[in-house]
Amino acid sequence: MAGLIAGGSSEQLTFHLPLARQNGVTEAELIETITHMAFYAGWPKAMSALTVAREVFRAA
C-alpha cells in the first residue's frame, strides 16, 4: 500500500485493500497507514488514497 500511495497509484488500492483485510489487517490499521503516508508521500496522495479506501469500505 505504501508504494501505491507514494507512487500516486491510488486507483490500484481497490484491489489491494480488500486483500489486506482478508489477511487480517483492520480498517483502522489501513486508515492509519494512509494517514502516516501523508507525511512521506504528501497530503494530496494520501487524501486520494483515503477517498478510494472510503469507497472500498462502504462496499464491504
N, C-alpha and C. Protein backbone atom coordinates (compact mmCIF):
# COMPACT_ATOMS: atom_id res chain seq x y z
N MET A 1 0.81 -1.17 0.00
CA MET A 1 0.00 0.00 0.00
C MET A 1 0.86 1.25 0.00
N ALA A 2 1.90 1.25 0.79
CA ALA A 2 2.75 2.44 0.86
C ALA A 2 3.32 2.79 -0.51
N GLY A 3 3.75 1.80 -1.25
CA GLY A 3 4.30 2.04 -2.58
C GLY A 3 3.26 2.60 -3.53
N LEU A 4 2.05 2.08 -3.46
CA LEU A 4 0.98 2.58 -4.33
C LEU A 4 0.63 4.02 -3.99
N ILE A 5 0.56 4.32 -2.71
CA ILE A 5 0.24 5.68 -2.29
C ILE A 5 1.35 6.64 -2.70
N ALA A 6 2.59 6.27 -2.41
CA ALA A 6 3.72 7.14 -2.74
C ALA A 6 3.85 7.35 -4.24
N GLY A 7 3.51 6.35 -5.02
CA GLY A 7 3.60 6.46 -6.47
C GLY A 7 2.40 7.11 -7.12
N GLY A 8 1.41 7.46 -6.30
CA GLY A 8 0.22 8.10 -6.85
C GLY A 8 -0.72 7.16 -7.56
N SER A 9 -0.65 5.88 -7.24
CA SER A 9 -1.49 4.87 -7.90
C SER A 9 -2.66 4.46 -7.01
N SER A 10 -3.36 5.43 -6.49
CA SER A 10 -4.46 5.16 -5.55
C SER A 10 -5.53 4.26 -6.13
N GLU A 11 -5.77 4.36 -7.44
CA GLU A 11 -6.82 3.55 -8.04
C GLU A 11 -6.55 2.06 -7.89
N GLN A 12 -5.29 1.68 -7.74
CA GLN A 12 -4.93 0.27 -7.55
C GLN A 12 -5.32 -0.25 -6.17
N LEU A 13 -5.60 0.66 -5.25
CA LEU A 13 -5.96 0.25 -3.89
C LEU A 13 -7.30 -0.48 -3.85
N THR A 14 -8.14 -0.29 -4.86
CA THR A 14 -9.41 -1.01 -4.87
C THR A 14 -9.19 -2.52 -4.90
N PHE A 15 -8.08 -2.95 -5.42
CA PHE A 15 -7.72 -4.37 -5.43
C PHE A 15 -6.99 -4.77 -4.14
N HIS A 16 -6.08 -3.93 -3.68
CA HIS A 16 -5.20 -4.30 -2.58
C HIS A 16 -5.82 -4.14 -1.19
N LEU A 17 -6.71 -3.18 -1.01
CA LEU A 17 -7.34 -3.01 0.31
C LEU A 17 -8.16 -4.23 0.73
N PRO A 18 -9.02 -4.77 -0.14
CA PRO A 18 -9.74 -5.98 0.28
C PRO A 18 -8.81 -7.16 0.58
N LEU A 19 -7.73 -7.27 -0.16
CA LEU A 19 -6.77 -8.35 0.12
C LEU A 19 -6.12 -8.17 1.48
N ALA A 20 -5.80 -6.93 1.81
CA ALA A 20 -5.21 -6.66 3.13
C ALA A 20 -6.20 -7.04 4.23
N ARG A 21 -7.46 -6.72 4.04
CA ARG A 21 -8.47 -7.07 5.05
C ARG A 21 -8.63 -8.58 5.16
N GLN A 22 -8.57 -9.29 4.02
CA GLN A 22 -8.66 -10.75 4.05
C GLN A 22 -7.48 -11.36 4.81
N ASN A 23 -6.36 -10.66 4.82
CA ASN A 23 -5.17 -11.16 5.50
C ASN A 23 -5.06 -10.66 6.94
N GLY A 24 -6.14 -10.08 7.46
CA GLY A 24 -6.20 -9.74 8.88
C GLY A 24 -5.88 -8.30 9.25
N VAL A 25 -5.64 -7.44 8.27
CA VAL A 25 -5.39 -6.04 8.58
C VAL A 25 -6.74 -5.36 8.79
N THR A 26 -6.87 -4.63 9.90
CA THR A 26 -8.15 -4.00 10.21
C THR A 26 -8.33 -2.70 9.42
N GLU A 27 -9.56 -2.26 9.35
CA GLU A 27 -9.86 -1.00 8.68
C GLU A 27 -9.11 0.15 9.36
N ALA A 28 -9.07 0.14 10.68
CA ALA A 28 -8.35 1.19 11.42
C ALA A 28 -6.86 1.19 11.08
N GLU A 29 -6.28 0.02 10.96
CA GLU A 29 -4.85 -0.07 10.61
C GLU A 29 -4.59 0.45 9.19
N LEU A 30 -5.51 0.18 8.29
CA LEU A 30 -5.36 0.67 6.92
C LEU A 30 -5.44 2.19 6.88
N ILE A 31 -6.38 2.75 7.62
CA ILE A 31 -6.50 4.20 7.67
C ILE A 31 -5.27 4.82 8.32
N GLU A 32 -4.75 4.19 9.36
CA GLU A 32 -3.53 4.68 10.00
C GLU A 32 -2.36 4.68 9.01
N THR A 33 -2.28 3.65 8.21
CA THR A 33 -1.21 3.57 7.20
C THR A 33 -1.32 4.71 6.20
N ILE A 34 -2.53 4.96 5.73
CA ILE A 34 -2.73 6.04 4.77
C ILE A 34 -2.39 7.38 5.40
N THR A 35 -2.83 7.59 6.63
CA THR A 35 -2.53 8.84 7.33
C THR A 35 -1.03 9.01 7.52
N HIS A 36 -0.37 7.97 7.89
CA HIS A 36 1.08 8.00 8.09
C HIS A 36 1.80 8.34 6.79
N MET A 37 1.30 7.81 5.69
CA MET A 37 1.92 8.07 4.39
C MET A 37 1.80 9.52 3.95
N ALA A 38 0.85 10.25 4.51
CA ALA A 38 0.69 11.66 4.16
C ALA A 38 1.96 12.45 4.44
N PHE A 39 2.68 12.09 5.48
CA PHE A 39 3.90 12.81 5.86
C PHE A 39 5.07 12.47 4.93
N TYR A 40 5.00 11.33 4.29
CA TYR A 40 6.09 10.90 3.42
C TYR A 40 5.79 11.15 1.94
N ALA A 41 4.56 10.89 1.54
CA ALA A 41 4.21 11.00 0.12
C ALA A 41 3.49 12.30 -0.20
N GLY A 42 3.03 12.98 0.82
CA GLY A 42 2.30 14.23 0.63
C GLY A 42 0.81 14.05 0.88
N TRP A 43 0.21 15.13 1.36
CA TRP A 43 -1.21 15.09 1.69
C TRP A 43 -2.10 14.81 0.49
N PRO A 44 -1.83 15.39 -0.69
CA PRO A 44 -2.72 15.09 -1.82
C PRO A 44 -2.79 13.60 -2.16
N LYS A 45 -1.67 12.93 -2.15
CA LYS A 45 -1.68 11.50 -2.47
C LYS A 45 -2.40 10.70 -1.38
N ALA A 46 -2.20 11.08 -0.13
CA ALA A 46 -2.86 10.39 0.97
C ALA A 46 -4.37 10.62 0.93
N MET A 47 -4.78 11.83 0.62
CA MET A 47 -6.21 12.12 0.54
C MET A 47 -6.87 11.37 -0.61
N SER A 48 -6.16 11.23 -1.72
CA SER A 48 -6.68 10.43 -2.84
C SER A 48 -6.85 8.98 -2.41
N ALA A 49 -5.87 8.47 -1.68
CA ALA A 49 -5.94 7.09 -1.19
C ALA A 49 -7.07 6.93 -0.19
N LEU A 50 -7.27 7.91 0.65
CA LEU A 50 -8.34 7.84 1.63
C LEU A 50 -9.72 7.84 0.96
N THR A 51 -9.85 8.59 -0.11
CA THR A 51 -11.10 8.59 -0.86
C THR A 51 -11.40 7.21 -1.42
N VAL A 52 -10.39 6.57 -1.98
CA VAL A 52 -10.56 5.21 -2.51
C VAL A 52 -10.90 4.25 -1.37
N ALA A 53 -10.20 4.38 -0.24
CA ALA A 53 -10.45 3.49 0.91
C ALA A 53 -11.88 3.62 1.41
N ARG A 54 -12.39 4.83 1.49
CA ARG A 54 -13.78 5.02 1.92
C ARG A 54 -14.74 4.29 1.01
N GLU A 55 -14.53 4.38 -0.29
CA GLU A 55 -15.39 3.70 -1.25
C GLU A 55 -15.33 2.18 -1.06
N VAL A 56 -14.11 1.67 -0.87
CA VAL A 56 -13.92 0.22 -0.69
C VAL A 56 -14.59 -0.24 0.61
N PHE A 57 -14.43 0.54 1.69
CA PHE A 57 -15.01 0.14 2.98
C PHE A 57 -16.52 0.20 2.94
N ARG A 58 -17.08 1.16 2.23
CA ARG A 58 -18.55 1.25 2.10
C ARG A 58 -19.11 0.06 1.35
N ALA A 59 -18.39 -0.40 0.35
CA ALA A 59 -18.86 -1.52 -0.47
C ALA A 59 -18.79 -2.85 0.28
N ALA A 60 -17.94 -2.91 1.29
CA ALA A 60 -17.75 -4.18 2.02
C ALA A 60 -18.88 -4.50 2.97
